[in-house]
Amino acid sequence: MTESRPHQDAFRAHVPDEVRQHVDAARAEMRRGLETFLPKEFFEHRDTARREMLLAWRGVLDAAISRMDEKKSQA
């Protein structure tokens, strides 16, 4: 599910493909650069925190769906 956003579409419409390729390459190099001076544990912690946030959102969505189902069954 990769839907583009309006500001992304505007960016794509006004910026040549070659420039976007350079931006993407620069972003990838920045990530690799971070890996050279940040400890491995930083990335493990980041991934764990991201997973916990996603699980929290899953709980919020599950609760909202349950409430919708309850209201529907009571109607």
N, C-alpha and C. Protein backbone atom coordinates (compact mmCIF):
# COMPACT_ATOMS: atom_id res chain seq x y z
N MET A 1 0.85 -1.18 0.00
CA MET A 1 0.00 0.00 0.00
C MET A 1 0.89 1.24 0.00
N THR A 2 1.35 1.61 -1.16
CA THR A 2 2.23 2.78 -1.26
C THR A 2 1.53 3.84 -2.09
N GLU A 3 0.67 4.59 -1.44
CA GLU A 3 -0.01 5.68 -2.12
C GLU A 3 0.86 6.92 -1.99
N SER A 4 0.95 7.68 -3.07
CA SER A 4 1.75 8.90 -3.00
C SER A 4 0.92 10.02 -2.39
N ARG A 5 1.61 10.99 -1.87
CA ARG A 5 0.96 12.14 -1.27
C ARG A 5 1.05 13.29 -2.25
N PRO A 6 0.13 14.26 -2.15
CA PRO A 6 0.13 15.38 -3.11
C PRO A 6 1.46 16.10 -3.19
N HIS A 7 2.13 16.34 -2.04
CA HIS A 7 3.41 17.06 -2.10
C HIS A 7 4.47 16.21 -2.78
N GLN A 8 4.37 14.89 -2.68
CA GLN A 8 5.32 14.03 -3.39
C GLN A 8 5.09 14.10 -4.89
N ASP A 9 3.82 14.13 -5.29
CA ASP A 9 3.51 14.23 -6.71
C ASP A 9 4.01 15.55 -7.28
N ALA A 10 3.87 16.63 -6.51
CA ALA A 10 4.35 17.92 -6.98
C ALA A 10 5.87 17.89 -7.11
N PHE A 11 6.54 17.26 -6.17
CA PHE A 11 7.99 17.12 -6.23
C PHE A 11 8.40 16.37 -7.48
N ARG A 12 7.72 15.26 -7.73
CA ARG A 12 8.06 14.45 -8.91
C ARG A 12 7.80 15.22 -10.21
N ALA A 13 6.78 16.04 -10.22
CA ALA A 13 6.44 16.78 -11.44
C ALA A 13 7.46 17.87 -11.76
N HIS A 14 8.13 18.41 -10.76
CA HIS A 14 9.03 19.55 -10.96
C HIS A 14 10.51 19.23 -10.88
N VAL A 15 10.83 18.02 -10.46
CA VAL A 15 12.24 17.68 -10.27
C VAL A 15 12.60 16.56 -11.25
N PRO A 16 13.65 16.76 -12.01
CA PRO A 16 14.05 15.73 -12.98
C PRO A 16 14.40 14.41 -12.30
N ASP A 17 14.21 13.32 -13.02
CA ASP A 17 14.50 11.99 -12.49
C ASP A 17 15.94 11.88 -11.99
N GLU A 18 16.87 12.46 -12.71
CA GLU A 18 18.27 12.37 -12.32
C GLU A 18 18.51 12.99 -10.94
N VAL A 19 17.86 14.10 -10.67
CA VAL A 19 18.01 14.75 -9.36
C VAL A 19 17.42 13.87 -8.26
N ARG A 20 16.25 13.28 -8.53
CA ARG A 20 15.65 12.40 -7.52
C ARG A 20 16.53 11.18 -7.26
N GLN A 21 17.17 10.67 -8.29
CA GLN A 21 18.08 9.53 -8.10
C GLN A 21 19.25 9.93 -7.21
N HIS A 22 19.76 11.14 -7.40
CA HIS A 22 20.86 11.61 -6.56
C HIS A 22 20.40 11.80 -5.11
N VAL A 23 19.20 12.32 -4.93
CA VAL A 23 18.66 12.50 -3.58
C VAL A 23 18.51 11.14 -2.90
N ASP A 24 17.99 10.16 -3.62
CA ASP A 24 17.84 8.82 -3.06
C ASP A 24 19.19 8.22 -2.70
N ALA A 25 20.18 8.41 -3.56
CA ALA A 25 21.52 7.88 -3.29
C ALA A 25 22.13 8.57 -2.07
N ALA A 26 21.92 9.89 -1.95
CA ALA A 26 22.45 10.63 -0.80
C ALA A 26 21.80 10.14 0.49
N ARG A 27 20.49 9.89 0.45
CA ARG A 27 19.79 9.39 1.63
C ARG A 27 20.35 8.03 2.05
N ALA A 28 20.57 7.16 1.08
CA ALA A 28 21.12 5.83 1.38
C ALA A 28 22.52 5.95 1.99
N GLU A 29 23.34 6.84 1.46
CA GLU A 29 24.69 7.04 1.99
C GLU A 29 24.65 7.61 3.41
N MET A 30 23.70 8.51 3.67
CA MET A 30 23.55 9.06 5.01
C MET A 30 23.24 7.94 6.00
N ARG A 31 22.34 7.04 5.61
CA ARG A 31 22.00 5.92 6.49
C ARG A 31 23.23 5.07 6.77
N ARG A 32 23.97 4.75 5.72
CA ARG A 32 25.19 3.95 5.90
C ARG A 32 26.20 4.69 6.78
N GLY A 33 26.26 6.00 6.63
CA GLY A 33 27.17 6.80 7.46
C GLY A 33 26.78 6.74 8.92
N LEU A 34 25.48 6.78 9.21
CA LEU A 34 25.04 6.68 10.60
C LEU A 34 25.45 5.36 11.21
N GLU A 35 25.41 4.32 10.41
CA GLU A 35 25.76 2.99 10.92
C GLU A 35 27.23 2.90 11.32
N THR A 36 28.07 3.80 10.80
CA THR A 36 29.49 3.72 11.12
C THR A 36 29.82 4.30 12.49
N PHE A 37 29.00 5.25 12.99
CA PHE A 37 29.36 5.83 14.29
C PHE A 37 28.30 5.64 15.37
N LEU A 38 27.15 5.10 15.02
CA LEU A 38 26.18 4.77 16.05
C LEU A 38 26.29 3.28 16.36
N PRO A 39 26.20 2.92 17.61
CA PRO A 39 26.35 1.51 17.97
C PRO A 39 25.18 0.67 17.45
N LYS A 40 25.47 -0.61 17.27
CA LYS A 40 24.46 -1.54 16.78
C LYS A 40 23.23 -1.54 17.69
N GLU A 41 23.44 -1.36 18.99
CA GLU A 41 22.34 -1.35 19.95
C GLU A 41 21.36 -0.21 19.69
N PHE A 42 21.86 0.91 19.16
CA PHE A 42 20.97 2.02 18.83
C PHE A 42 19.90 1.57 17.83
N PHE A 43 20.33 0.88 16.79
CA PHE A 43 19.40 0.44 15.76
C PHE A 43 18.48 -0.65 16.27
N GLU A 44 18.99 -1.52 17.14
CA GLU A 44 18.14 -2.54 17.75
C GLU A 44 17.06 -1.89 18.61
N HIS A 45 17.46 -0.89 19.40
CA HIS A 45 16.51 -0.18 20.25
C HIS A 45 15.47 0.55 19.40
N ARG A 46 15.94 1.20 18.34
CA ARG A 46 15.02 1.91 17.44
C ARG A 46 14.00 0.94 16.85
N ASP A 47 14.45 -0.21 16.41
CA ASP A 47 13.53 -1.18 15.81
C ASP A 47 12.54 -1.72 16.84
N THR A 48 13.02 -1.96 18.06
CA THR A 48 12.14 -2.44 19.12
C THR A 48 11.09 -1.39 19.46
N ALA A 49 11.52 -0.14 19.56
CA ALA A 49 10.59 0.95 19.86
C ALA A 49 9.56 1.10 18.75
N ARG A 50 9.99 1.00 17.52
CA ARG A 50 9.07 1.10 16.38
C ARG A 50 8.04 -0.02 16.44
N ARG A 51 8.50 -1.23 16.75
CA ARG A 51 7.58 -2.37 16.85
C ARG A 51 6.56 -2.14 17.95
N GLU A 52 7.01 -1.63 19.10
CA GLU A 52 6.09 -1.37 20.21
C GLU A 52 5.04 -0.33 19.84
N MET A 53 5.47 0.70 19.12
CA MET A 53 4.50 1.72 18.69
C MET A 53 3.48 1.12 17.73
N LEU A 54 3.92 0.28 16.82
CA LEU A 54 2.99 -0.36 15.90
C LEU A 54 2.01 -1.27 16.64
N LEU A 55 2.51 -1.99 17.63
CA LEU A 55 1.62 -2.83 18.44
C LEU A 55 0.60 -1.98 19.21
N ALA A 56 1.04 -0.84 19.70
CA ALA A 56 0.12 0.07 20.40
C ALA A 56 -0.97 0.55 19.46
N TRP A 57 -0.59 0.94 18.26
CA TRP A 57 -1.58 1.39 17.28
C TRP A 57 -2.52 0.25 16.89
N ARG A 58 -1.98 -0.97 16.82
CA ARG A 58 -2.84 -2.12 16.52
C ARG A 58 -3.91 -2.25 17.60
N GLY A 59 -3.50 -2.07 18.86
CA GLY A 59 -4.46 -2.14 19.96
C GLY A 59 -5.53 -1.07 19.86
N VAL A 60 -5.12 0.14 19.50
CA VAL A 60 -6.08 1.24 19.34
C VAL A 60 -7.07 0.90 18.22
N LEU A 61 -6.56 0.42 17.11
CA LEU A 61 -7.43 0.08 15.98
C LEU A 61 -8.35 -1.10 16.31
N ASP A 62 -7.82 -2.11 16.98
CA ASP A 62 -8.64 -3.25 17.37
C ASP A 62 -9.77 -2.82 18.30
N ALA A 63 -9.47 -1.94 19.24
CA ALA A 63 -10.50 -1.45 20.16
C ALA A 63 -11.57 -0.65 19.41
N ALA A 64 -11.15 0.17 18.46
CA ALA A 64 -12.12 0.96 17.69
C ALA A 64 -13.01 0.04 16.85
N ILE A 65 -12.42 -0.98 16.26
CA ILE A 65 -13.20 -1.93 15.46
C ILE A 65 -14.19 -2.68 16.35
N SER A 66 -13.74 -3.08 17.52
CA SER A 66 -14.63 -3.78 18.45
C SER A 66 -15.81 -2.91 18.84
N ARG A 67 -15.55 -1.63 19.12
CA ARG A 67 -16.65 -0.72 19.47
C ARG A 67 -17.63 -0.58 18.32
N MET A 68 -17.10 -0.49 17.11
CA MET A 68 -17.98 -0.39 15.93
C MET A 68 -18.83 -1.64 15.80
N ASP A 69 -18.22 -2.80 15.99
CA ASP A 69 -18.95 -4.07 15.89
C ASP A 69 -20.02 -4.17 16.96
N GLU A 70 -19.69 -3.75 18.18
CA GLU A 70 -20.68 -3.78 19.28
C GLU A 70 -21.87 -2.88 18.97
N LYS A 71 -21.60 -1.68 18.48
CA LYS A 71 -22.69 -0.76 18.14
C LYS A 71 -23.56 -1.34 17.04
N LYS A 72 -22.92 -1.98 16.07
CA LYS A 72 -23.66 -2.55 14.95
C LYS A 72 -24.54 -3.71 15.42
N SER A 73 -24.03 -4.53 16.34
CA SER A 73 -24.80 -5.68 16.82
C SER A 73 -25.94 -5.24 17.74
N GLN A 74 -25.79 -4.08 18.39
CA GLN A 74 -26.84 -3.58 19.28
C GLN A 74 -27.95 -2.88 18.50
N ALA A 75 -27.68 -2.48 17.28
CA ALA A 75 -28.67 -1.73 16.50
C ALA A 75 -29.73 -2.64 15.91
